[in-house]
């Protein structure tokens, strides 16, 4: 289970930063940054973990609790995205780093340190420390992973009725068999990511 040891050892305002949506074929990549200025309340800490370890119901509960903590001043949260068009233009790594920088910019002020889940450091207006597997180690990164994942899933669900052929609400843009079959049948929509092989092949096939 994640704890607050990395944040406490660093001291000052420490932001946990994580992303959601690097692997899908469609939709934006989301990033979130979370600062707990006075530590994590025990009840909230019990809800936080790597978003991939949580059920959808538990993610939603944790998301709501984080929003309530932010309203009480117990947490500072920044959530931002890079669009499918930006992913196609920049590539997924640079678009992810752009979303992270935007998330940090939505905090009240830059943190003294950003703990980044993973091993690639984005350019941020503060010192950065990469933490491999950080969403399972740091409560701040775990909180960011939940905010990013829930926000992205909701965004993809909102796209579903506009583009019902693809089933975005069911797979959130990931390359499931159903999604690949829909791409093969209907081609790519404006929310698909150019530069991803299955999308580019579907776009070429649709023009034939």
Protein backbone atom coordinates (compact mmCIF):
# COMPACT_ATOMS: atom_id res chain seq x y z
CA UNK A 1 0.00 0.00 0.00
CA UNK A 2 1.24 3.53 -0.72
CA UNK A 3 2.31 5.79 2.13
CA UNK A 4 3.54 9.36 2.69
CA UNK A 5 7.21 8.52 3.30
CA UNK A 6 8.61 10.01 0.09
CA UNK A 7 6.72 13.25 0.60
CA UNK A 8 7.68 13.53 4.26
CA UNK A 9 11.35 12.86 3.54
CA UNK A 10 11.44 15.57 0.85
CA UNK A 11 9.68 18.19 2.96
CA UNK A 12 7.90 21.24 1.62
CA UNK A 13 5.13 21.18 -0.98
CA UNK A 14 5.43 17.87 -2.81
CA UNK A 15 3.16 17.03 -5.75
CA UNK A 16 2.45 13.51 -6.90
CA UNK A 17 1.94 13.35 -10.67
CA UNK A 18 0.55 10.53 -12.79
CA UNK A 19 -1.17 9.98 -16.11
CA UNK A 20 -3.95 7.87 -17.56
CA UNK A 21 -4.44 6.84 -21.15
CA UNK A 22 -1.06 6.30 -22.74
CA UNK A 23 -2.11 3.00 -24.32
CA UNK A 24 -5.48 3.71 -25.97
CA UNK A 25 -6.02 4.27 -29.67
CA UNK A 26 -8.45 7.14 -29.10
CA UNK A 27 -9.11 10.06 -26.81
CA UNK A 28 -6.88 12.36 -24.79
CA UNK A 29 -4.14 11.48 -22.35
CA UNK A 30 -4.93 12.83 -18.87
CA UNK A 31 -2.57 13.85 -16.10
CA UNK A 32 -3.14 14.94 -12.52
CA UNK A 33 -1.01 16.56 -9.85
CA UNK A 34 -1.89 16.35 -6.16
CA UNK A 35 -0.38 18.10 -3.14
CA UNK A 36 -1.31 17.24 0.44
CA UNK A 37 0.00 20.32 2.25
CA UNK A 38 -0.55 18.93 5.75
CA UNK A 39 -0.34 15.21 5.13
CA UNK A 40 -3.12 12.82 4.15
CA UNK A 41 -6.12 12.41 6.48
CA UNK A 42 -6.31 8.80 7.67
CA UNK A 43 -9.79 8.17 6.26
CA UNK A 44 -8.72 9.42 2.84
CA UNK A 45 -5.43 7.49 2.91
CA UNK A 46 -7.42 4.29 3.36
CA UNK A 47 -9.16 4.89 0.03
CA UNK A 48 -6.02 5.58 -2.01
CA UNK A 49 -4.05 3.08 -4.05
CA UNK A 50 -2.76 2.60 -7.57
CA UNK A 51 -5.88 3.20 -9.66
CA UNK A 52 -5.28 -0.07 -11.54
CA UNK A 53 -5.70 -2.01 -8.29
CA UNK A 54 -9.09 -0.45 -7.53
CA UNK A 55 -12.48 -1.41 -8.87
CA UNK A 56 -14.41 1.23 -10.77
CA UNK A 57 -16.65 1.73 -7.73
CA UNK A 58 -13.71 2.24 -5.38
CA UNK A 59 -12.06 4.63 -7.82
CA UNK A 60 -15.23 6.72 -7.91
CA UNK A 61 -15.37 6.73 -4.10
CA UNK A 62 -11.76 7.82 -3.85
CA UNK A 63 -12.29 10.46 -6.56
CA UNK A 64 -15.23 11.94 -4.63
CA UNK A 65 -13.24 11.89 -1.38
CA UNK A 66 -10.35 13.70 -3.06
CA UNK A 67 -12.69 16.37 -4.38
CA UNK A 68 -14.14 16.82 -0.89
CA UNK A 69 -10.62 17.04 0.58
CA UNK A 70 -9.75 19.71 -1.97
CA UNK A 71 -12.86 21.69 -1.03
CA UNK A 72 -11.75 21.58 2.62
CA UNK A 73 -8.21 22.70 1.77
CA UNK A 74 -6.69 19.32 2.67
CA UNK A 75 -5.55 18.66 -0.90
CA UNK A 76 -4.61 20.69 -3.95
CA UNK A 77 -5.46 19.08 -7.27
CA UNK A 78 -4.64 19.94 -10.85
CA UNK A 79 -6.06 17.91 -13.75
CA UNK A 80 -5.21 18.49 -17.42
CA UNK A 81 -5.16 16.76 -20.79
CA UNK A 82 -3.40 16.60 -24.10
CA UNK A 83 -5.77 15.96 -26.99
CA UNK A 84 -5.69 13.20 -29.57
CA UNK A 85 -4.56 15.80 -32.11
CA UNK A 86 -1.67 16.83 -29.85
CA UNK A 87 -0.73 13.18 -29.37
CA UNK A 88 -0.61 12.75 -33.15
CA UNK A 89 1.52 15.85 -33.55
CA UNK A 90 3.91 15.40 -30.61
CA UNK A 91 3.89 11.59 -29.98
CA UNK A 92 2.44 10.00 -26.86
CA UNK A 93 5.44 10.57 -24.56
CA UNK A 94 5.72 14.28 -25.28
CA UNK A 95 1.94 14.72 -25.13
CA UNK A 96 1.91 12.98 -21.74
CA UNK A 97 4.61 15.33 -20.49
CA UNK A 98 2.60 18.27 -21.82
CA UNK A 99 -0.46 17.11 -19.88
CA UNK A 100 1.67 16.76 -16.73
CA UNK A 101 3.03 20.30 -17.13
CA UNK A 102 -0.52 21.59 -17.57
CA UNK A 103 -1.64 19.73 -14.44
CA UNK A 104 1.18 21.28 -12.40
CA UNK A 105 0.23 24.71 -13.78
CA UNK A 106 -3.28 24.26 -12.37
CA UNK A 107 -2.00 24.01 -8.80
CA UNK A 108 -2.07 27.17 -6.71
CA UNK A 109 1.68 27.57 -7.17
CA UNK A 110 4.51 25.32 -8.33
CA UNK A 111 5.48 22.67 -5.79
CA UNK A 112 8.94 22.35 -4.27
CA UNK A 113 9.20 18.86 -5.80
CA UNK A 114 7.19 16.75 -8.22
CA UNK A 115 7.18 12.98 -7.79
CA UNK A 116 6.53 11.51 -11.24
CA UNK A 117 5.27 7.98 -11.71
CA UNK A 118 7.63 6.25 -14.15
CA UNK A 119 11.18 6.70 -15.35
CA UNK A 120 10.93 9.62 -17.81
CA UNK A 121 11.04 13.15 -16.37
CA UNK A 122 8.97 15.91 -17.98
CA UNK A 123 10.17 19.51 -18.06
CA UNK A 124 8.39 21.19 -15.16
CA UNK A 125 8.81 24.52 -13.31
CA UNK A 126 10.10 22.67 -10.24
CA UNK A 127 12.54 19.88 -9.36
CA UNK A 128 11.43 16.42 -10.48
CA UNK A 129 12.02 12.95 -9.09
CA UNK A 130 10.94 9.87 -11.04
CA UNK A 131 9.50 6.99 -9.00
CA UNK A 132 9.05 3.69 -10.85
CA UNK A 133 5.83 2.10 -9.62
CA UNK A 134 5.13 5.30 -7.74
CA UNK A 135 1.34 4.91 -7.81
CA UNK A 136 1.78 1.91 -5.50
CA UNK A 137 4.32 3.67 -3.25
CA UNK A 138 3.30 7.30 -2.82
CA UNK A 139 -0.11 8.47 -1.60
CA UNK A 140 0.22 11.67 -3.63
CA UNK A 141 0.96 9.76 -6.85
CA UNK A 142 -1.83 7.27 -6.09
CA UNK A 143 -4.25 10.16 -5.67
CA UNK A 144 -3.11 11.61 -8.99
CA UNK A 145 -3.56 8.25 -10.71
CA UNK A 146 -7.16 8.06 -9.48
CA UNK A 147 -8.02 11.60 -10.56
CA UNK A 148 -6.52 11.07 -14.01
CA UNK A 149 -8.14 7.66 -14.56
CA UNK A 150 -11.65 8.64 -13.46
CA UNK A 151 -11.57 11.91 -15.39
CA UNK A 152 -10.43 10.15 -18.55
CA UNK A 153 -12.99 7.35 -18.26
CA UNK A 154 -15.74 9.94 -17.88
CA UNK A 155 -14.49 11.84 -20.92
CA UNK A 156 -14.56 8.69 -23.03
CA UNK A 157 -18.06 7.85 -21.79
CA UNK A 158 -19.21 11.29 -22.96
CA UNK A 159 -17.83 10.57 -26.43
CA UNK A 160 -19.72 7.28 -26.68
CA UNK A 161 -23.17 8.59 -27.73
CA UNK A 162 -21.55 10.87 -30.31
CA UNK A 163 -19.58 7.99 -31.87
CA UNK A 164 -21.62 4.89 -30.92
CA UNK A 165 -20.03 2.60 -33.50
CA UNK A 166 -16.79 2.40 -31.52
CA UNK A 167 -18.07 1.53 -28.03
CA UNK A 168 -15.86 4.06 -26.22
CA UNK A 169 -17.81 3.73 -22.95
CA UNK A 170 -16.93 0.06 -22.76
CA UNK A 171 -13.21 0.15 -23.49
CA UNK A 172 -12.23 3.84 -23.06
CA UNK A 173 -10.37 3.74 -26.36
CA UNK A 174 -8.08 0.83 -25.54
CA UNK A 175 -7.29 -1.60 -28.39
CA UNK A 176 -9.81 -4.31 -27.53
CA UNK A 177 -11.01 -6.77 -30.15
CA UNK A 178 -14.31 -4.86 -30.42
CA UNK A 179 -12.52 -1.55 -30.90
CA UNK A 180 -10.19 -2.95 -33.57
CA UNK A 181 -13.13 -4.48 -35.39
CA UNK A 182 -14.99 -1.14 -35.32
CA UNK A 183 -11.93 0.62 -36.69
CA UNK A 184 -11.67 -1.90 -39.50
CA UNK A 185 -15.35 -1.47 -40.36
CA UNK A 186 -15.84 2.28 -39.92
CA UNK A 187 -12.36 3.78 -40.17
CA UNK A 188 -11.05 6.35 -37.70
CA UNK A 189 -13.06 9.17 -36.15
CA UNK A 190 -11.61 12.59 -35.23
CA UNK A 191 -10.83 11.37 -31.70
CA UNK A 192 -8.58 8.54 -32.86
CA UNK A 193 -4.84 9.03 -32.47
CA UNK A 194 -2.91 9.41 -35.69
CA UNK A 195 0.52 7.85 -35.49
CA UNK A 196 -0.84 4.70 -33.80
CA UNK A 197 -0.56 1.78 -36.21
CA UNK A 198 -4.14 0.40 -36.07
CA UNK A 199 -5.57 3.90 -36.48
CA UNK A 200 -3.34 4.79 -39.41
CA UNK A 201 -4.09 1.48 -41.14
CA UNK A 202 -7.83 2.01 -40.65
CA UNK A 203 -7.63 5.54 -42.04
CA UNK A 204 -5.79 4.29 -45.14
CA UNK A 205 -8.30 1.48 -45.65
CA UNK A 206 -11.22 3.92 -45.34
CA UNK A 207 -9.81 6.05 -48.18
CA UNK A 208 -9.56 3.14 -50.59
